[in-house]
Amino acid sequence: MIPTGGTAPEPVSAFPWDDVLALALGRLGWRPRDLWGATPRELFAAAGFLARASAPNRADLDRLLEAHPDIL
């Protein structure tokens, strides 16, 4: 609802369409039909966003705690 005498706010997109189009069509070289046929998970995987980092081991954690003692 718009208050009387006011102006409508600019529409805000919660999804970054320009970035997705640039990624899929530009960097990945997909055709439009490939993009529209893909799920978000497939797009993220193709872009390398789903790579899993390994969990830190105990020695890594000890080094972090020693370097940053204020987090305890």
N, C-alpha and C. Protein backbone atom coordinates (compact mmCIF):
# COMPACT_ATOMS: atom_id res chain seq x y z
N MET A 1 0.84 -1.17 0.00
CA MET A 1 0.00 0.00 0.00
C MET A 1 0.89 1.24 0.00
N ILE A 2 0.56 2.19 -0.84
CA ILE A 2 1.32 3.43 -0.94
C ILE A 2 0.54 4.54 -0.25
N PRO A 3 1.18 5.26 0.68
CA PRO A 3 0.46 6.35 1.34
C PRO A 3 0.01 7.40 0.33
N THR A 4 -1.10 8.07 0.63
CA THR A 4 -1.63 9.10 -0.26
C THR A 4 -0.59 10.19 -0.47
N GLY A 5 -0.38 10.55 -1.72
CA GLY A 5 0.56 11.61 -2.05
C GLY A 5 2.01 11.15 -2.11
N GLY A 6 2.28 9.89 -1.80
CA GLY A 6 3.66 9.38 -1.82
C GLY A 6 4.01 8.81 -3.18
N THR A 7 5.22 8.41 -3.31
CA THR A 7 5.66 7.77 -4.54
C THR A 7 6.01 6.32 -4.23
N ALA A 8 5.88 5.50 -5.23
CA ALA A 8 6.19 4.08 -5.05
C ALA A 8 7.69 3.91 -4.91
N PRO A 9 8.11 3.05 -3.98
CA PRO A 9 9.54 2.81 -3.84
C PRO A 9 10.08 2.04 -5.03
N GLU A 10 11.40 2.15 -5.26
CA GLU A 10 12.04 1.38 -6.34
C GLU A 10 11.92 -0.10 -6.00
N PRO A 11 11.61 -0.94 -6.99
CA PRO A 11 11.56 -2.37 -6.71
C PRO A 11 12.95 -2.88 -6.34
N VAL A 12 12.98 -3.77 -5.37
CA VAL A 12 14.24 -4.35 -4.93
C VAL A 12 14.21 -5.83 -5.24
N SER A 13 15.22 -6.31 -5.91
CA SER A 13 15.30 -7.72 -6.22
C SER A 13 16.15 -8.42 -5.17
N ALA A 14 15.61 -9.45 -4.58
CA ALA A 14 16.37 -10.21 -3.59
C ALA A 14 17.35 -11.15 -4.27
N PHE A 15 17.23 -11.31 -5.57
CA PHE A 15 18.10 -12.21 -6.31
C PHE A 15 18.98 -11.40 -7.25
N PRO A 16 20.30 -11.63 -7.25
CA PRO A 16 21.22 -10.84 -8.08
C PRO A 16 21.24 -11.30 -9.54
N TRP A 17 20.18 -10.99 -10.27
CA TRP A 17 20.05 -11.48 -11.65
C TRP A 17 21.20 -11.05 -12.54
N ASP A 18 21.64 -9.80 -12.45
CA ASP A 18 22.73 -9.35 -13.31
C ASP A 18 24.00 -10.16 -13.08
N ASP A 19 24.29 -10.47 -11.83
CA ASP A 19 25.48 -11.26 -11.50
C ASP A 19 25.34 -12.70 -12.02
N VAL A 20 24.16 -13.27 -11.87
CA VAL A 20 23.93 -14.64 -12.33
C VAL A 20 24.05 -14.72 -13.85
N LEU A 21 23.47 -13.75 -14.54
CA LEU A 21 23.56 -13.75 -15.99
C LEU A 21 25.01 -13.58 -16.45
N ALA A 22 25.74 -12.69 -15.81
CA ALA A 22 27.15 -12.49 -16.18
C ALA A 22 27.97 -13.76 -15.92
N LEU A 23 27.69 -14.43 -14.82
CA LEU A 23 28.40 -15.65 -14.49
C LEU A 23 28.09 -16.76 -15.50
N ALA A 24 26.81 -17.04 -15.68
CA ALA A 24 26.42 -18.17 -16.52
C ALA A 24 26.70 -17.93 -18.00
N LEU A 25 26.29 -16.77 -18.51
CA LEU A 25 26.43 -16.51 -19.93
C LEU A 25 27.84 -16.05 -20.30
N GLY A 26 28.46 -15.31 -19.40
CA GLY A 26 29.80 -14.78 -19.68
C GLY A 26 30.91 -15.73 -19.27
N ARG A 27 31.07 -15.90 -17.97
CA ARG A 27 32.22 -16.68 -17.48
C ARG A 27 32.11 -18.17 -17.80
N LEU A 28 30.92 -18.73 -17.63
CA LEU A 28 30.77 -20.17 -17.88
C LEU A 28 30.47 -20.48 -19.34
N GLY A 29 30.03 -19.48 -20.10
CA GLY A 29 29.76 -19.69 -21.53
C GLY A 29 28.52 -20.52 -21.81
N TRP A 30 27.57 -20.53 -20.88
CA TRP A 30 26.35 -21.28 -21.09
C TRP A 30 25.44 -20.54 -22.08
N ARG A 31 24.59 -21.31 -22.74
CA ARG A 31 23.53 -20.73 -23.55
C ARG A 31 22.37 -20.37 -22.61
N PRO A 32 21.53 -19.41 -22.98
CA PRO A 32 20.41 -19.06 -22.10
C PRO A 32 19.57 -20.26 -21.67
N ARG A 33 19.31 -21.17 -22.59
CA ARG A 33 18.48 -22.33 -22.22
C ARG A 33 19.18 -23.22 -21.18
N ASP A 34 20.53 -23.23 -21.20
CA ASP A 34 21.26 -24.00 -20.18
C ASP A 34 21.06 -23.38 -18.80
N LEU A 35 21.15 -22.05 -18.75
CA LEU A 35 20.96 -21.36 -17.48
C LEU A 35 19.55 -21.59 -16.95
N TRP A 36 18.54 -21.36 -17.77
CA TRP A 36 17.17 -21.48 -17.30
C TRP A 36 16.79 -22.92 -16.99
N GLY A 37 17.53 -23.89 -17.52
CA GLY A 37 17.26 -25.29 -17.22
C GLY A 37 18.02 -25.80 -16.00
N ALA A 38 18.92 -25.00 -15.48
CA ALA A 38 19.74 -25.41 -14.34
C ALA A 38 19.10 -25.01 -13.01
N THR A 39 19.39 -25.79 -12.00
CA THR A 39 18.97 -25.42 -10.65
C THR A 39 20.04 -24.49 -10.06
N PRO A 40 19.70 -23.73 -9.03
CA PRO A 40 20.73 -22.91 -8.38
C PRO A 40 21.93 -23.73 -7.91
N ARG A 41 21.68 -24.92 -7.41
CA ARG A 41 22.78 -25.79 -6.96
C ARG A 41 23.69 -26.16 -8.12
N GLU A 42 23.12 -26.46 -9.28
CA GLU A 42 23.94 -26.78 -10.45
C GLU A 42 24.77 -25.58 -10.90
N LEU A 43 24.18 -24.40 -10.86
CA LEU A 43 24.90 -23.18 -11.21
C LEU A 43 26.06 -22.94 -10.25
N PHE A 44 25.80 -23.06 -8.95
CA PHE A 44 26.86 -22.86 -7.96
C PHE A 44 27.97 -23.90 -8.12
N ALA A 45 27.60 -25.15 -8.40
CA ALA A 45 28.61 -26.19 -8.58
C ALA A 45 29.47 -25.90 -9.81
N ALA A 46 28.83 -25.49 -10.89
CA ALA A 46 29.58 -25.19 -12.11
C ALA A 46 30.52 -24.01 -11.91
N ALA A 47 30.13 -23.07 -11.06
CA ALA A 47 30.96 -21.90 -10.79
C ALA A 47 32.03 -22.18 -9.74
N GLY A 48 31.98 -23.36 -9.12
CA GLY A 48 32.97 -23.72 -8.11
C GLY A 48 32.65 -23.22 -6.72
N PHE A 49 31.42 -22.79 -6.49
CA PHE A 49 31.04 -22.27 -5.18
C PHE A 49 30.73 -23.36 -4.17
N LEU A 50 30.60 -24.60 -4.62
CA LEU A 50 30.24 -25.67 -3.70
C LEU A 50 31.46 -26.48 -3.27
N ALA A 51 32.65 -26.01 -3.58
CA ALA A 51 33.85 -26.73 -3.16
C ALA A 51 33.88 -26.77 -1.64
N ARG A 52 34.22 -27.89 -1.10
CA ARG A 52 34.22 -28.05 0.35
C ARG A 52 35.63 -27.86 0.90
N ALA A 53 35.73 -27.07 1.90
CA ALA A 53 37.01 -26.88 2.58
C ALA A 53 37.15 -27.98 3.63
N SER A 54 38.37 -28.40 3.86
CA SER A 54 38.58 -29.41 4.89
C SER A 54 38.50 -28.76 6.27
N ALA A 55 38.07 -29.53 7.22
CA ALA A 55 37.96 -29.03 8.59
C ALA A 55 39.36 -28.89 9.18
N PRO A 56 39.56 -27.88 10.03
CA PRO A 56 40.87 -27.74 10.65
C PRO A 56 41.14 -28.89 11.63
N ASN A 57 42.40 -29.29 11.70
CA ASN A 57 42.75 -30.34 12.65
C ASN A 57 43.09 -29.70 14.00
N ARG A 58 43.43 -30.51 14.99
CA ARG A 58 43.68 -30.00 16.33
C ARG A 58 44.86 -29.02 16.35
N ALA A 59 45.91 -29.31 15.60
CA ALA A 59 47.08 -28.43 15.57
C ALA A 59 46.70 -27.06 14.98
N ASP A 60 45.86 -27.06 13.94
CA ASP A 60 45.40 -25.80 13.35
C ASP A 60 44.61 -25.00 14.38
N LEU A 61 43.73 -25.67 15.10
CA LEU A 61 42.93 -24.99 16.12
C LEU A 61 43.80 -24.42 17.23
N ASP A 62 44.79 -25.20 17.67
CA ASP A 62 45.70 -24.72 18.72
C ASP A 62 46.45 -23.47 18.26
N ARG A 63 46.91 -23.45 17.00
CA ARG A 63 47.60 -22.27 16.46
C ARG A 63 46.68 -21.05 16.42
N LEU A 64 45.45 -21.27 16.03
CA LEU A 64 44.48 -20.17 16.00
C LEU A 64 44.21 -19.62 17.40
N LEU A 65 44.04 -20.53 18.35
CA LEU A 65 43.78 -20.10 19.73
C LEU A 65 44.98 -19.35 20.31
N GLU A 66 46.17 -19.79 19.96
CA GLU A 66 47.37 -19.09 20.45
C GLU A 66 47.50 -17.71 19.80
N ALA A 67 47.17 -17.64 18.51
CA ALA A 67 47.28 -16.36 17.80
C ALA A 67 46.18 -15.38 18.20
N HIS A 68 45.04 -15.89 18.64
CA HIS A 68 43.88 -15.06 18.97
C HIS A 68 43.32 -15.45 20.33
N PRO A 69 44.05 -15.19 21.40
CA PRO A 69 43.60 -15.64 22.74
C PRO A 69 42.35 -14.92 23.24
N ASP A 70 41.99 -13.80 22.63
CA ASP A 70 40.83 -13.05 23.10
C ASP A 70 39.50 -13.70 22.74
N ILE A 71 39.51 -14.75 21.94
CA ILE A 71 38.24 -15.36 21.53
C ILE A 71 37.72 -16.36 22.56
N LEU A 72 38.49 -16.65 23.59
CA LEU A 72 38.02 -17.59 24.62
C LEU A 72 37.20 -16.93 25.67
